């Protein structure tokens, strides 16, 4: 079976996820409490791992398009959701992280996707104006 290469946009999103997490973490370490920074780090790590896991699951589903692909995808989705919920439960109940920092970290991938969409659309519009 031929491995499917990643789309350059997918690669760009993955790299920028880590850059954005690093920027948020650096800012929180410099200007906010260590508890907040730990929340940003753990939340960002959780969201990035979920993003990679979703990519892997989607790649697997599209590689073997069969009748059971939908049910397999839903099963993996619920496993990922349950595992994320358990991890977040233990993080929140440990009371070692700031909840707002955790929310900022969990938003890393969403912020990155919005910024990437805006940048991609603005480049497309600029190219269309040049033509």
N, C-alpha and C. Protein backbone atom coordinates (compact mmCIF):
# COMPACT_ATOMS: atom_id res chain seq x y z
N UNK A 1 0.83 -1.17 0.00
CA UNK A 1 0.00 0.00 0.00
C UNK A 1 0.88 1.25 0.00
N UNK A 2 0.57 2.19 -0.86
CA UNK A 2 1.32 3.44 -0.93
C UNK A 2 0.93 4.36 0.22
N UNK A 3 1.92 4.86 0.93
CA UNK A 3 1.57 5.84 1.97
C UNK A 3 1.13 7.15 1.31
N UNK A 4 0.12 7.74 1.87
CA UNK A 4 -0.40 8.99 1.34
C UNK A 4 0.41 10.13 1.94
N UNK A 5 0.96 10.97 1.05
CA UNK A 5 1.74 12.10 1.54
C UNK A 5 0.82 13.16 2.10
N UNK A 6 1.33 13.87 3.08
CA UNK A 6 0.55 14.94 3.68
C UNK A 6 0.48 16.12 2.73
N UNK A 7 -0.68 16.74 2.75
CA UNK A 7 -0.89 17.96 1.99
C UNK A 7 -0.01 19.06 2.59
N UNK A 8 0.58 19.92 1.76
CA UNK A 8 1.42 20.99 2.31
C UNK A 8 0.67 21.89 3.30
N UNK A 9 -0.60 22.11 3.06
CA UNK A 9 -1.38 22.92 3.99
C UNK A 9 -1.52 22.21 5.34
N UNK A 10 -1.72 20.91 5.32
CA UNK A 10 -1.80 20.11 6.56
C UNK A 10 -0.48 20.22 7.31
N UNK A 11 0.62 20.10 6.61
CA UNK A 11 1.94 20.18 7.23
C UNK A 11 2.15 21.56 7.86
N UNK A 12 1.73 22.60 7.12
CA UNK A 12 1.85 23.97 7.60
C UNK A 12 1.03 24.17 8.88
N UNK A 13 -0.17 23.63 8.91
CA UNK A 13 -1.02 23.73 10.09
C UNK A 13 -0.38 23.04 11.28
N UNK A 14 0.16 21.85 11.05
CA UNK A 14 0.79 21.10 12.15
C UNK A 14 1.99 21.85 12.72
N UNK A 15 2.80 22.41 11.86
CA UNK A 15 3.98 23.15 12.33
C UNK A 15 3.56 24.41 13.08
N UNK A 16 2.58 25.13 12.52
CA UNK A 16 2.14 26.37 13.16
C UNK A 16 1.43 26.10 14.49
N UNK A 17 0.83 24.91 14.65
CA UNK A 17 0.25 24.55 15.96
C UNK A 17 1.32 24.63 17.04
N UNK A 18 2.48 24.04 16.76
CA UNK A 18 3.57 24.02 17.74
C UNK A 18 4.14 25.42 17.96
N UNK A 19 4.25 26.21 16.89
CA UNK A 19 4.76 27.57 17.01
C UNK A 19 3.80 28.41 17.87
N UNK A 20 2.51 28.30 17.59
CA UNK A 20 1.52 29.04 18.35
C UNK A 20 1.51 28.63 19.82
N UNK A 21 1.61 27.34 20.09
CA UNK A 21 1.68 26.87 21.47
C UNK A 21 2.93 27.43 22.14
N UNK A 22 4.05 27.42 21.45
CA UNK A 22 5.29 27.97 22.00
C UNK A 22 5.16 29.45 22.32
N UNK A 23 4.52 30.20 21.42
CA UNK A 23 4.32 31.64 21.67
C UNK A 23 3.43 31.87 22.88
N UNK A 24 2.32 31.14 22.95
CA UNK A 24 1.41 31.28 24.10
C UNK A 24 2.12 30.89 25.39
N UNK A 25 2.89 29.83 25.33
CA UNK A 25 3.59 29.36 26.52
C UNK A 25 4.64 30.37 26.97
N UNK A 26 5.39 30.92 26.03
CA UNK A 26 6.40 31.91 26.36
C UNK A 26 5.78 33.16 26.98
N UNK A 27 4.70 33.64 26.39
CA UNK A 27 4.01 34.82 26.92
C UNK A 27 3.49 34.53 28.33
N UNK A 28 2.89 33.35 28.52
CA UNK A 28 2.34 33.04 29.84
C UNK A 28 3.44 32.84 30.88
N UNK A 29 4.59 32.30 30.47
CA UNK A 29 5.70 32.14 31.41
C UNK A 29 6.28 33.50 31.82
N UNK A 30 6.34 34.43 30.86
CA UNK A 30 6.93 35.73 31.15
C UNK A 30 6.00 36.64 31.95
N UNK A 31 4.71 36.60 31.66
CA UNK A 31 3.80 37.60 32.23
C UNK A 31 2.76 37.05 33.21
N UNK A 32 2.59 35.75 33.27
CA UNK A 32 1.55 35.17 34.11
C UNK A 32 2.14 34.13 35.04
N UNK A 33 1.30 33.50 35.81
CA UNK A 33 1.77 32.55 36.82
C UNK A 33 2.20 31.22 36.19
N UNK A 34 3.06 30.48 36.88
CA UNK A 34 3.44 29.15 36.40
C UNK A 34 2.23 28.21 36.28
N UNK A 35 1.26 28.40 37.14
CA UNK A 35 0.02 27.60 37.08
C UNK A 35 -0.71 27.84 35.77
N UNK A 36 -0.78 29.10 35.35
CA UNK A 36 -1.41 29.46 34.09
C UNK A 36 -0.62 28.86 32.92
N UNK A 37 0.70 28.99 32.99
CA UNK A 37 1.56 28.45 31.92
C UNK A 37 1.41 26.93 31.80
N UNK A 38 1.31 26.25 32.93
CA UNK A 38 1.11 24.80 32.90
C UNK A 38 -0.22 24.46 32.25
N UNK A 39 -1.24 25.25 32.53
CA UNK A 39 -2.55 25.05 31.90
C UNK A 39 -2.47 25.24 30.39
N UNK A 40 -1.76 26.29 29.96
CA UNK A 40 -1.58 26.53 28.52
C UNK A 40 -0.85 25.36 27.88
N UNK A 41 0.22 24.91 28.53
CA UNK A 41 1.00 23.80 27.98
C UNK A 41 0.18 22.52 27.86
N UNK A 42 -0.49 22.13 28.94
CA UNK A 42 -1.27 20.88 28.92
C UNK A 42 -2.45 20.97 27.96
N UNK A 43 -3.14 22.11 27.95
CA UNK A 43 -4.25 22.28 27.02
C UNK A 43 -3.79 22.24 25.58
N UNK A 44 -2.69 22.92 25.29
CA UNK A 44 -2.15 22.91 23.93
C UNK A 44 -1.71 21.51 23.52
N UNK A 45 -1.07 20.82 24.42
CA UNK A 45 -0.63 19.45 24.14
C UNK A 45 -1.82 18.54 23.84
N UNK A 46 -2.86 18.66 24.63
CA UNK A 46 -4.06 17.85 24.42
C UNK A 46 -4.70 18.16 23.07
N UNK A 47 -4.81 19.44 22.75
CA UNK A 47 -5.47 19.79 21.48
C UNK A 47 -4.64 19.36 20.28
N UNK A 48 -3.32 19.49 20.35
CA UNK A 48 -2.47 19.09 19.23
C UNK A 48 -2.48 17.57 19.07
N UNK A 49 -2.43 16.84 20.18
CA UNK A 49 -2.51 15.37 20.10
C UNK A 49 -3.84 14.94 19.50
N UNK A 50 -4.93 15.59 19.90
CA UNK A 50 -6.24 15.28 19.32
C UNK A 50 -6.27 15.57 17.82
N UNK A 51 -5.62 16.65 17.41
CA UNK A 51 -5.57 17.00 15.99
C UNK A 51 -4.83 15.93 15.20
N UNK A 52 -3.67 15.49 15.71
CA UNK A 52 -2.92 14.41 15.04
C UNK A 52 -3.73 13.12 15.01
N UNK A 53 -4.38 12.80 16.11
CA UNK A 53 -5.16 11.57 16.21
C UNK A 53 -6.32 11.60 15.21
N UNK A 54 -6.98 12.75 15.10
CA UNK A 54 -8.06 12.89 14.13
C UNK A 54 -7.55 12.71 12.71
N UNK A 55 -6.40 13.30 12.39
CA UNK A 55 -5.80 13.16 11.06
C UNK A 55 -5.52 11.69 10.75
N UNK A 56 -4.93 10.99 11.72
CA UNK A 56 -4.62 9.57 11.51
C UNK A 56 -5.89 8.75 11.28
N UNK A 57 -6.93 9.01 12.09
CA UNK A 57 -8.19 8.29 11.93
C UNK A 57 -8.83 8.57 10.57
N UNK A 58 -8.83 9.83 10.16
CA UNK A 58 -9.42 10.18 8.86
C UNK A 58 -8.64 9.54 7.72
N UNK A 59 -7.33 9.53 7.83
CA UNK A 59 -6.49 8.91 6.80
C UNK A 59 -6.79 7.42 6.69
N UNK A 60 -6.93 6.77 7.83
CA UNK A 60 -7.25 5.34 7.84
C UNK A 60 -8.61 5.07 7.21
N UNK A 61 -9.59 5.89 7.52
CA UNK A 61 -10.95 5.69 7.00
C UNK A 61 -10.96 5.86 5.48
N UNK A 62 -10.30 6.91 4.99
CA UNK A 62 -10.31 7.15 3.55
C UNK A 62 -9.42 6.17 2.78
N UNK A 63 -8.49 5.54 3.47
CA UNK A 63 -7.62 4.56 2.82
C UNK A 63 -8.36 3.25 2.56
N UNK A 64 -9.38 2.96 3.36
CA UNK A 64 -10.07 1.67 3.20
C UNK A 64 -11.58 1.85 3.05
N UNK A 65 -12.01 2.83 2.35
CA UNK A 65 -13.44 3.13 2.17
C UNK A 65 -14.29 1.87 2.01
N UNK A 66 -14.86 1.44 3.08
CA UNK A 66 -15.73 0.26 3.06
C UNK A 66 -17.02 0.59 3.78
N UNK A 67 -17.88 -0.37 3.85
CA UNK A 67 -19.16 -0.16 4.52
C UNK A 67 -19.02 0.08 6.01
N UNK A 68 -17.97 -0.47 6.60
CA UNK A 68 -17.78 -0.31 8.04
C UNK A 68 -16.95 0.93 8.38
N UNK A 69 -16.55 1.71 7.38
CA UNK A 69 -15.68 2.87 7.63
C UNK A 69 -16.35 3.89 8.53
N UNK A 70 -17.64 4.13 8.31
CA UNK A 70 -18.34 5.12 9.11
C UNK A 70 -18.42 4.69 10.58
N UNK A 71 -18.78 3.44 10.81
CA UNK A 71 -18.89 2.97 12.20
C UNK A 71 -17.52 2.94 12.87
N UNK A 72 -16.48 2.59 12.12
CA UNK A 72 -15.13 2.59 12.69
C UNK A 72 -14.70 4.01 13.06
N UNK A 73 -15.02 4.95 12.20
CA UNK A 73 -14.68 6.35 12.47
C UNK A 73 -15.43 6.86 13.71
N UNK A 74 -16.70 6.55 13.81
CA UNK A 74 -17.48 6.99 14.97
C UNK A 74 -16.96 6.35 16.26
N UNK A 75 -16.60 5.07 16.19
CA UNK A 75 -16.06 4.38 17.37
C UNK A 75 -14.77 5.06 17.82
N UNK A 76 -13.88 5.34 16.87
CA UNK A 76 -12.61 6.00 17.21
C UNK A 76 -12.85 7.41 17.74
N UNK A 77 -13.86 8.08 17.20
CA UNK A 77 -14.20 9.42 17.66
C UNK A 77 -14.62 9.38 19.13
N UNK A 78 -15.49 8.43 19.47
CA UNK A 78 -15.96 8.34 20.85
C UNK A 78 -14.84 7.91 21.81
N UNK A 79 -13.94 7.07 21.35
CA UNK A 79 -12.79 6.68 22.17
C UNK A 79 -11.93 7.91 22.45
N UNK A 80 -11.65 8.69 21.40
CA UNK A 80 -10.84 9.90 21.55
C UNK A 80 -11.53 10.90 22.49
N UNK A 81 -12.84 11.06 22.32
CA UNK A 81 -13.60 11.99 23.16
C UNK A 81 -13.58 11.54 24.62
N UNK A 82 -13.79 10.27 24.86
CA UNK A 82 -13.80 9.74 26.24
C UNK A 82 -12.42 9.87 26.89
N UNK A 83 -11.39 9.53 26.14
CA UNK A 83 -10.04 9.63 26.69
C UNK A 83 -9.68 11.08 27.00
N UNK A 84 -10.06 11.99 26.11
CA UNK A 84 -9.82 13.42 26.34
C UNK A 84 -10.58 13.89 27.58
N UNK A 85 -11.81 13.45 27.73
CA UNK A 85 -12.62 13.83 28.90
C UNK A 85 -11.98 13.33 30.19
N UNK A 86 -11.49 12.10 30.18
CA UNK A 86 -10.85 11.55 31.39
C UNK A 86 -9.59 12.33 31.73
N UNK A 87 -8.76 12.62 30.72
CA UNK A 87 -7.53 13.38 30.96
C UNK A 87 -7.86 14.77 31.50
N UNK A 88 -8.83 15.45 30.87
CA UNK A 88 -9.21 16.78 31.33
C UNK A 88 -9.79 16.73 32.74
N UNK A 89 -10.55 15.70 33.05
CA UNK A 89 -11.10 15.55 34.41
C UNK A 89 -9.99 15.50 35.44
N UNK A 90 -8.97 14.68 35.17
CA UNK A 90 -7.87 14.55 36.13
C UNK A 90 -7.05 15.84 36.22
N UNK A 91 -6.88 16.53 35.11
CA UNK A 91 -6.14 17.79 35.14
C UNK A 91 -6.89 18.84 35.95
N UNK A 92 -8.19 18.95 35.70
CA UNK A 92 -8.99 19.96 36.40
C UNK A 92 -9.12 19.64 37.88
N UNK A 93 -9.35 18.39 38.22
CA UNK A 93 -9.54 18.03 39.63
C UNK A 93 -8.24 18.05 40.42
N UNK A 94 -7.11 17.97 39.74
CA UNK A 94 -5.84 18.03 40.46
C UNK A 94 -5.58 19.42 41.02
N UNK A 95 -6.26 20.41 40.45
CA UNK A 95 -6.16 21.81 40.91
C UNK A 95 -4.73 22.34 40.81
N UNK A 96 -3.94 21.83 39.88
CA UNK A 96 -2.56 22.29 39.70
C UNK A 96 -2.44 23.28 38.55
N UNK A 97 -3.51 23.41 37.74
CA UNK A 97 -3.45 24.31 36.59
C UNK A 97 -4.57 25.35 36.69
N UNK A 98 -4.34 26.47 36.04
CA UNK A 98 -5.35 27.50 35.95
C UNK A 98 -6.31 27.12 34.83
N UNK A 99 -7.59 27.18 35.09
CA UNK A 99 -8.60 26.75 34.11
C UNK A 99 -8.56 27.65 32.87
N UNK A 100 -8.37 28.95 33.07
CA UNK A 100 -8.30 29.84 31.91
C UNK A 100 -7.08 29.52 31.03
N UNK A 101 -5.97 29.19 31.66
CA UNK A 101 -4.78 28.78 30.91
C UNK A 101 -5.04 27.50 30.14
N UNK A 102 -5.75 26.58 30.77
CA UNK A 102 -6.11 25.33 30.09
C UNK A 102 -6.99 25.62 28.88
N UNK A 103 -7.94 26.52 29.03
CA UNK A 103 -8.81 26.88 27.90
C UNK A 103 -8.03 27.56 26.78
N UNK A 104 -7.09 28.41 27.13
CA UNK A 104 -6.25 29.04 26.10
C UNK A 104 -5.46 27.96 25.35
N UNK A 105 -4.90 27.03 26.08
CA UNK A 105 -4.15 25.94 25.46
C UNK A 105 -5.01 25.07 24.57
N UNK A 106 -6.22 24.76 25.04
CA UNK A 106 -7.13 23.95 24.25
C UNK A 106 -7.57 24.66 22.97
N UNK A 107 -7.44 25.98 22.95
CA UNK A 107 -7.86 26.77 21.79
C UNK A 107 -6.77 26.92 20.73
N UNK A 108 -5.59 26.39 20.97
CA UNK A 108 -4.46 26.57 20.05
C UNK A 108 -4.81 26.12 18.64
N UNK A 109 -5.34 24.93 18.49
CA UNK A 109 -5.63 24.40 17.16
C UNK A 109 -6.74 25.20 16.49
N UNK A 110 -7.76 25.58 17.24
CA UNK A 110 -8.86 26.35 16.68
C UNK A 110 -8.36 27.71 16.19
N UNK A 111 -7.57 28.39 17.01
CA UNK A 111 -7.01 29.68 16.62
C UNK A 111 -6.15 29.52 15.37
N UNK A 112 -5.34 28.47 15.35
CA UNK A 112 -4.49 28.22 14.20
C UNK A 112 -5.31 27.98 12.93
N UNK A 113 -6.37 27.20 13.03
CA UNK A 113 -7.20 26.93 11.85
C UNK A 113 -7.87 28.19 11.33
N UNK A 114 -8.34 29.04 12.24
CA UNK A 114 -8.96 30.30 11.82
C UNK A 114 -7.93 31.21 11.15
N UNK A 115 -6.76 31.35 11.76
CA UNK A 115 -5.71 32.18 11.17
C UNK A 115 -5.26 31.64 9.81
N UNK A 116 -5.11 30.33 9.70
CA UNK A 116 -4.70 29.73 8.44
C UNK A 116 -5.75 29.95 7.36
N UNK A 117 -7.02 29.80 7.72
CA UNK A 117 -8.09 30.04 6.75
C UNK A 117 -8.09 31.49 6.28
N UNK A 118 -7.92 32.42 7.20
CA UNK A 118 -7.89 33.84 6.83
C UNK A 118 -6.70 34.13 5.92
N UNK A 119 -5.53 33.62 6.28
CA UNK A 119 -4.33 33.87 5.46
C UNK A 119 -4.47 33.23 4.09
N UNK A 120 -5.01 32.01 4.02
CA UNK A 120 -5.16 31.32 2.74
C UNK A 120 -6.16 32.06 1.85
N UNK A 121 -7.26 32.48 2.42
CA UNK A 121 -8.26 33.21 1.63
C UNK A 121 -7.75 34.57 1.19
N UNK A 122 -6.98 35.24 2.05
CA UNK A 122 -6.46 36.55 1.66
C UNK A 122 -5.43 36.41 0.54
N UNK A 123 -4.61 35.37 0.58
CA UNK A 123 -3.65 35.13 -0.51
C UNK A 123 -4.39 34.83 -1.81
N UNK A 124 -5.45 34.03 -1.71
CA UNK A 124 -6.23 33.69 -2.89
C UNK A 124 -6.86 34.93 -3.49
N UNK A 125 -7.43 35.81 -2.65
CA UNK A 125 -8.04 37.04 -3.13
C UNK A 125 -7.00 37.98 -3.74
N UNK A 126 -5.80 38.04 -3.16
CA UNK A 126 -4.74 38.88 -3.72
C UNK A 126 -4.31 38.37 -5.08
N UNK A 127 -4.21 37.05 -5.23
CA UNK A 127 -3.84 36.47 -6.52
C UNK A 127 -4.91 36.72 -7.57
N UNK A 128 -6.16 36.65 -7.18
CA UNK A 128 -7.24 36.90 -8.12
C UNK A 128 -7.26 38.37 -8.56
N UNK A 129 -6.90 39.29 -7.66
CA UNK A 129 -6.85 40.70 -8.01
C UNK A 129 -5.73 41.00 -8.98
N UNK A 130 -4.62 40.26 -8.88
CA UNK A 130 -3.49 40.46 -9.77
C UNK A 130 -3.83 40.01 -11.18
N UNK A 131 -4.61 38.96 -11.32
CA UNK A 131 -4.96 38.43 -12.65
C UNK A 131 -5.85 39.37 -13.32
